[in-house]
Structures are given as C-alpha cells and as structure tokens.
Amino acid sequence: MKQIPFFLLIAVLAFGCGRKAKSKLERKGFSVSRSDSGDEDDKPKGLKADSLMFPTRPGNVLLTGNEDHRLVPVFKVNVDPENKRFFTGSISFHRDWKDYEPGDNWNQNFLPGLAVANGYNLVNLTHVHLLPISQRRLFPQPVLIWNVYYPAPTADSLKGQPILRDYYLVSCYDEDTNEDGYINSSDLRRFYHFNKDGEEQGTLVPKDYSVMSCTYDRANDALYIKARHDDNRNGQMDPLERIDIFLVYLVLPTEGQLVYN
C-alpha cells in the first residue's frame, strides 16, 4: 500500500478530521506551571513568570474596516512528538447566510459591521497601526482565544444606515481558573472589549461568569450574552449552576446589563 507522506499525514490529522479532532485539540489548550504559595494547605497559586513562554507564529493579516488598523493573529506552534516538524493553526470565519430585511446588508458577516473569526491554538492578537507603524499585543501574556469580533472590511448596512464599528471584542480563556495546570476550554470563558487602538476597556460580563453563547437583536443592535455563574467558585462550569443573560448594545459596548437572573 502506498504510504502517505509524513507532512501530509500531519495536515490531515490537524485539519482534515472534522469538528471532533478540532474540538479535542481546543480542549487541550496549553499547559501552565504553577508557583507554590507557601500557605498551610500548600495549594499552588499564580503562574510562574516563564510558564507561558513557547514558540509562536503569525497568521495572515486580518483587514479591518478601519483602513489604518490591522490585526495579526498569533498562533502557538504545535510540534510533533519527534520534534522534527511543526504546524500552526489557521483562521476560520463565522458567516451569516440569512435573508436580509429591507435596508440590511451584512455582506455575510456574522453581525452587521463585525466580522468574527476563530482559530485552533490562537493565543494572542497583535494590533497594528499603519500611520505611523506601531504595534501592541492585545493581551500581555498568551490566552486561548475562542472568537475575535473586529470591524468588518465591507460596506455593511443596518436598517438602511451604514454600520462601521471602531472596537474589538474577544472571547477567550485567559486564566487557569480550575487550577488543573492548563488554560483550555474547561476554564471560565471571558469576553473582553478593546478600543480601536487595541487598549482593553474591560469585560462585557463579570469575571466570575463563563460565557456560553450570544444572540443578536437586530431591532436594538444588541447582543444577549448567555453566561453561567461560577456559584461554587471552583473555576469551571457545572451543570447545576445558574445561567444569567446580559444585554450589550453594540453602538458602544460596556459591561452588560442583566436582563435575566
């Protein structure tokens, strides 16, 4: 039987096995070493300064609706067991295929004025300002990014009016909240807001929640964010913990208002 070249086999395993393989890799995340606190219970707390240092590679530049602002995805390098070959992740995009109402044209973006992208082992984003050229990482240390919302590079409209966003939203796992030694999808998922220059403006839901899903409200140009509260403070989602819903207006995102709890 003809053998499959090794590099092709890696590509197939990484990207060709569908959602099951991708979700398995996403659950893995990346490991973090702990630093002892010295408390009586000897419970490890905090992260060592060098625990999140691993090789990274940039992905393709994301064009935004602000012509002098760009985003560069940053991926963790994934090495095969023999350390002879490596691969990085790639960006995929959420699309909207619904029939638009009169006056609407989102150009198949997930939300009017906002493109939404994700990627396997996407661990940071670099904001680039072109005039003059400068750059900054959105997060000071690696995180595991679930989705990034950024100004769409298309002429979107809502209710007959042009829509241009000037901010970024990032849904991610940024802390080993359950203290299992990994930052992955078993931790609490946060939802951050950054201004057009890539400066953090806070979270859309409090940090003792884990974001589950969002629903778009066209009539009010708003998001309803469903999130589970960490009732028992164990740093992970448990099925019997309460679920609340927050309202965030997309014209100027701020911490969400409770509409159900």
Protein backbone atom coordinates (compact mmCIF):
# COMPACT_ATOMS: atom_id res chain seq x y z
CA MET A 1 0.00 0.00 0.00
CA LYS A 2 1.30 3.45 -0.88
CA GLN A 3 2.48 5.36 2.17
CA ILE A 4 1.18 8.86 2.96
CA PRO A 5 3.99 11.43 3.28
CA PHE A 6 4.54 12.44 6.90
CA PHE A 7 3.82 16.16 6.37
CA LEU A 8 0.53 15.31 4.64
CA LEU A 9 -0.46 12.98 7.46
CA ILE A 10 0.12 15.77 9.99
CA ALA A 11 -2.03 18.14 7.94
CA VAL A 12 -4.83 15.57 7.71
CA LEU A 13 -4.73 14.89 11.43
CA ALA A 14 -4.71 18.58 12.25
CA PHE A 15 -7.31 19.91 9.85
CA GLY A 16 -8.99 17.11 7.93
CA CYS A 17 -10.74 15.11 10.62
CA GLY A 18 -13.67 17.47 11.18
CA ARG A 19 -15.09 19.02 14.31
CA LYS A 20 -14.24 16.10 16.58
CA ALA A 21 -10.50 16.43 16.03
CA LYS A 22 -10.60 20.20 16.25
CA SER A 23 -12.58 20.20 19.48
CA LYS A 24 -10.16 17.69 21.00
CA LEU A 25 -7.23 19.98 20.24
CA GLU A 26 -9.10 23.01 21.56
CA ARG A 27 -9.82 21.23 24.83
CA LYS A 28 -6.12 20.52 25.23
CA GLY A 29 -5.13 24.19 25.22
CA PHE A 30 -1.68 24.69 26.68
CA SER A 31 -0.05 23.83 30.00
CA VAL A 32 0.95 26.33 32.64
CA SER A 33 3.32 25.70 35.53
CA ARG A 34 2.27 26.83 38.98
CA SER A 35 4.18 28.62 41.72
CA ASP A 36 3.72 27.49 45.33
CA SER A 37 2.08 29.98 47.64
CA GLY A 38 3.63 28.73 50.88
CA ASP A 39 0.21 28.56 52.55
CA GLU A 40 -0.55 25.87 55.10
CA ASP A 41 -2.65 23.93 52.64
CA ASP A 42 0.23 24.14 50.13
CA LYS A 43 -2.27 24.98 47.41
CA PRO A 44 -0.50 26.30 44.31
CA LYS A 45 -1.47 29.82 43.32
CA GLY A 46 -0.49 32.11 40.48
CA LEU A 47 1.60 31.47 37.39
CA LYS A 48 5.35 31.45 37.09
CA ALA A 49 6.66 34.32 35.01
CA ASP A 50 8.18 31.96 32.43
CA SER A 51 5.37 29.38 32.34
CA LEU A 52 3.68 30.82 29.24
CA MET A 53 6.78 31.06 27.07
CA PHE A 54 6.51 28.91 23.94
CA PRO A 55 7.17 29.46 20.23
CA THR A 56 4.53 31.35 18.25
CA ARG A 57 3.98 32.22 14.60
CA PRO A 58 1.87 34.94 12.95
CA GLY A 59 -1.09 34.11 10.73
CA ASN A 60 -2.45 36.08 7.79
CA VAL A 61 -3.23 39.72 8.49
CA LEU A 62 -6.90 40.48 9.18
CA LEU A 63 -8.09 43.56 7.30
CA THR A 64 -10.44 45.71 9.34
CA GLY A 65 -12.98 48.37 8.41
CA ASN A 66 -10.56 51.00 9.74
CA GLU A 67 -8.03 51.28 6.93
CA ASP A 68 -5.01 52.13 9.08
CA HIS A 69 -5.73 49.46 11.70
CA ARG A 70 -4.94 45.77 11.18
CA LEU A 71 -4.92 42.62 13.30
CA VAL A 72 -2.30 39.87 13.16
CA PRO A 73 -3.36 36.50 14.65
CA VAL A 74 -0.68 34.88 16.82
CA PHE A 75 -0.64 31.06 16.97
CA LYS A 76 1.11 28.65 19.28
CA VAL A 77 3.50 26.39 17.35
CA ASN A 78 2.49 22.74 17.63
CA VAL A 79 5.38 20.29 17.44
CA ASP A 80 5.06 16.60 16.60
CA PRO A 81 6.31 14.06 19.20
CA GLU A 82 9.68 13.69 17.48
CA ASN A 83 10.19 17.49 17.30
CA LYS A 84 11.03 17.21 13.63
CA ARG A 85 8.04 19.02 12.16
CA PHE A 86 5.53 21.57 13.34
CA PHE A 87 2.29 23.18 12.30
CA THR A 88 0.35 26.23 13.37
CA GLY A 89 -3.35 26.92 13.32
CA SER A 90 -5.32 28.85 10.74
CA ILE A 91 -8.16 31.33 10.86
CA SER A 92 -11.74 30.42 10.01
CA PHE A 93 -14.70 32.79 9.80
CA HIS A 94 -18.25 32.69 11.09
CA ARG A 95 -20.67 33.60 8.32
CA ASP A 96 -24.30 34.67 8.27
CA TRP A 97 -26.40 33.31 5.39
CA LYS A 98 -29.85 34.58 6.45
CA ASP A 99 -32.17 36.54 4.16
CA TYR A 100 -31.75 40.20 4.97
CA GLU A 101 -34.62 42.51 5.73
CA PRO A 102 -35.09 45.65 3.59
CA GLY A 103 -32.24 48.09 4.25
CA ASP A 104 -29.93 45.40 5.60
CA ASN A 105 -26.73 44.14 4.00
CA TRP A 106 -24.20 42.46 6.26
CA ASN A 107 -22.18 41.01 3.37
CA GLN A 108 -22.44 37.60 5.06
CA ASN A 109 -20.54 38.83 8.11
CA PHE A 110 -21.70 37.25 11.35
CA LEU A 111 -23.02 40.59 12.65
CA PRO A 112 -23.61 43.91 10.88
CA GLY A 113 -20.30 45.76 10.87
CA LEU A 114 -18.43 42.97 12.68
CA ALA A 115 -16.51 40.06 11.20
CA VAL A 116 -16.00 37.12 13.57
CA ALA A 117 -13.00 34.78 13.32
CA ASN A 118 -11.53 31.95 15.35
CA GLY A 119 -8.63 29.54 15.08
CA TYR A 120 -7.02 26.49 16.65
CA ASN A 121 -4.39 27.46 19.27
CA LEU A 122 -4.91 31.15 18.59
CA VAL A 123 -3.11 32.58 21.63
CA ASN A 124 -2.97 36.33 21.01
CA LEU A 125 -3.67 39.16 18.58
CA THR A 126 -1.32 41.96 17.58
CA HIS A 127 -2.91 45.29 16.76
CA VAL A 128 -1.01 47.18 14.06
CA HIS A 129 -1.41 50.90 13.44
CA LEU A 130 -0.10 51.84 9.99
CA LEU A 131 0.24 55.65 10.17
CA PRO A 132 2.85 55.65 11.64
CA ILE A 133 3.54 51.93 12.07
CA SER A 134 3.24 50.73 15.65
CA GLN A 135 2.06 47.51 17.24
CA ARG A 136 0.78 46.14 20.52
CA ARG A 137 -0.40 42.76 21.75
CA LEU A 138 -3.99 42.78 22.95
CA PHE A 139 -3.09 40.51 25.87
CA PRO A 140 0.12 40.81 27.94
CA GLN A 141 0.50 37.01 28.00
CA PRO A 142 -0.88 34.14 25.90
CA VAL A 143 -4.57 33.29 26.18
CA LEU A 144 -6.70 30.74 24.34
CA ILE A 145 -8.93 32.78 22.01
CA TRP A 146 -12.34 31.39 21.10
CA ASN A 147 -13.65 34.21 18.89
CA VAL A 148 -12.48 37.66 17.87
CA TYR A 149 -15.00 40.27 16.67
CA TYR A 150 -13.45 43.07 14.62
CA PRO A 151 -14.67 45.87 12.31
CA ALA A 152 -15.72 44.28 9.04
CA PRO A 153 -13.80 45.47 5.95
CA THR A 154 -17.07 45.63 3.98
CA ALA A 155 -19.72 48.32 3.48
CA ASP A 156 -22.35 46.89 5.83
CA SER A 157 -25.72 48.47 6.47
CA LEU A 158 -28.48 48.05 9.04
CA LYS A 159 -31.97 49.49 8.56
CA GLY A 160 -30.70 51.47 5.59
CA GLN A 161 -27.85 53.10 7.55
CA PRO A 162 -24.12 52.37 7.12
CA ILE A 163 -22.53 50.49 10.03
CA LEU A 164 -18.86 50.99 10.95
CA ARG A 165 -17.57 49.66 14.25
CA ASP A 166 -14.41 51.00 15.90
CA TYR A 167 -13.64 48.37 18.53
CA TYR A 168 -12.73 44.71 19.05
CA LEU A 169 -14.39 42.02 21.17
CA VAL A 170 -12.52 38.88 22.20
CA SER A 171 -13.99 35.77 23.78
CA CYS A 172 -11.19 33.75 25.38
CA TYR A 173 -9.82 31.62 28.18
CA ASP A 174 -7.20 33.78 29.88
CA GLU A 175 -6.66 32.08 33.24
CA ASP A 176 -6.28 28.59 34.67
CA THR A 177 -9.40 29.13 36.74
CA ASN A 178 -9.91 25.48 37.72
CA GLU A 179 -6.21 25.08 38.62
CA ASP A 180 -5.67 21.89 36.64
CA GLY A 181 -2.41 23.10 35.10
CA TYR A 182 -3.88 24.04 31.72
CA ILE A 183 -5.52 27.01 30.09
CA ASN A 184 -8.24 25.41 27.99
CA SER A 185 -11.99 25.24 27.45
CA SER A 186 -12.51 23.68 30.89
CA ASP A 187 -11.78 27.11 32.41
CA LEU A 188 -14.10 30.11 32.59
CA ARG A 189 -14.51 31.93 29.28
CA ARG A 190 -14.29 35.74 29.44
CA PHE A 191 -15.49 38.36 26.97
CA TYR A 192 -13.21 41.42 26.58
CA HIS A 193 -13.76 44.80 24.93
CA PHE A 194 -10.87 46.72 23.30
CA ASN A 195 -10.99 50.15 21.69
CA LYS A 196 -9.85 50.79 18.11
CA ASP A 197 -6.22 51.17 19.26
CA GLY A 198 -6.21 47.77 20.95
CA GLU A 199 -6.46 49.09 24.51
CA GLU A 200 -8.51 46.96 26.91
CA GLN A 201 -11.75 48.58 28.06
CA GLY A 202 -12.94 45.81 30.40
CA THR A 203 -15.18 42.75 30.19
CA LEU A 204 -18.76 42.52 28.92
CA VAL A 205 -19.75 40.13 31.73
CA PRO A 206 -18.17 39.82 35.20
CA LYS A 207 -15.17 37.53 35.50
CA ASP A 208 -16.94 35.06 37.80
CA TYR A 209 -19.11 34.02 34.83
CA SER A 210 -18.30 31.80 31.85
CA VAL A 211 -19.72 32.92 28.50
CA MET A 212 -21.82 30.28 26.76
CA SER A 213 -23.47 31.86 23.69
CA CYS A 214 -24.75 35.09 22.15
CA THR A 215 -27.94 36.08 20.33
CA TYR A 216 -28.17 39.16 18.11
CA ASP A 217 -31.11 41.55 18.50
CA ARG A 218 -31.46 43.38 15.16
CA ALA A 219 -34.17 45.77 16.37
CA ASN A 220 -31.88 47.16 19.09
CA ASP A 221 -28.47 46.39 17.52
CA ALA A 222 -27.54 44.50 20.65
CA LEU A 223 -26.22 41.17 21.90
CA TYR A 224 -27.83 38.96 24.51
CA ILE A 225 -24.98 37.08 26.19
CA LYS A 226 -25.85 33.87 27.99
CA ALA A 227 -23.35 33.08 30.77
CA ARG A 228 -23.11 30.59 33.61
CA HIS A 229 -22.18 31.91 37.05
CA ASP A 230 -19.44 30.11 39.00
CA ASP A 231 -21.64 29.59 42.04
CA ASN A 232 -19.29 27.24 43.88
CA ARG A 233 -16.15 29.17 42.85
CA ASN A 234 -14.34 26.11 41.54
CA GLY A 235 -13.29 27.88 38.34
CA GLN A 236 -15.32 25.82 35.88
CA MET A 237 -18.85 25.45 34.55
CA ASP A 238 -21.02 22.96 36.40
CA PRO A 239 -24.45 21.94 35.05
CA LEU A 240 -26.48 22.95 38.12
CA GLU A 241 -25.04 26.45 38.40
CA ARG A 242 -27.33 29.32 37.47
CA ILE A 243 -27.42 30.87 33.99
CA ASP A 244 -27.90 34.62 33.56
CA ILE A 245 -28.39 36.76 30.43
CA PHE A 246 -26.71 40.12 29.83
CA LEU A 247 -27.65 42.81 27.31
CA VAL A 248 -24.84 44.68 25.47
CA TYR A 249 -25.58 47.43 22.96
CA LEU A 250 -23.16 47.27 20.02
CA VAL A 251 -23.14 51.02 19.33
CA LEU A 252 -20.91 51.49 22.39
CA PRO A 253 -20.21 48.22 24.25
CA THR A 254 -19.97 48.42 28.03
CA GLU A 255 -20.42 45.82 30.76
CA GLY A 256 -23.72 44.10 30.09
CA GLN A 257 -26.97 44.83 31.85
CA LEU A 258 -28.73 41.89 33.49
CA VAL A 259 -31.99 41.08 31.73
CA TYR A 260 -32.43 37.65 33.31
CA ASN A 261 -31.07 36.14 36.53
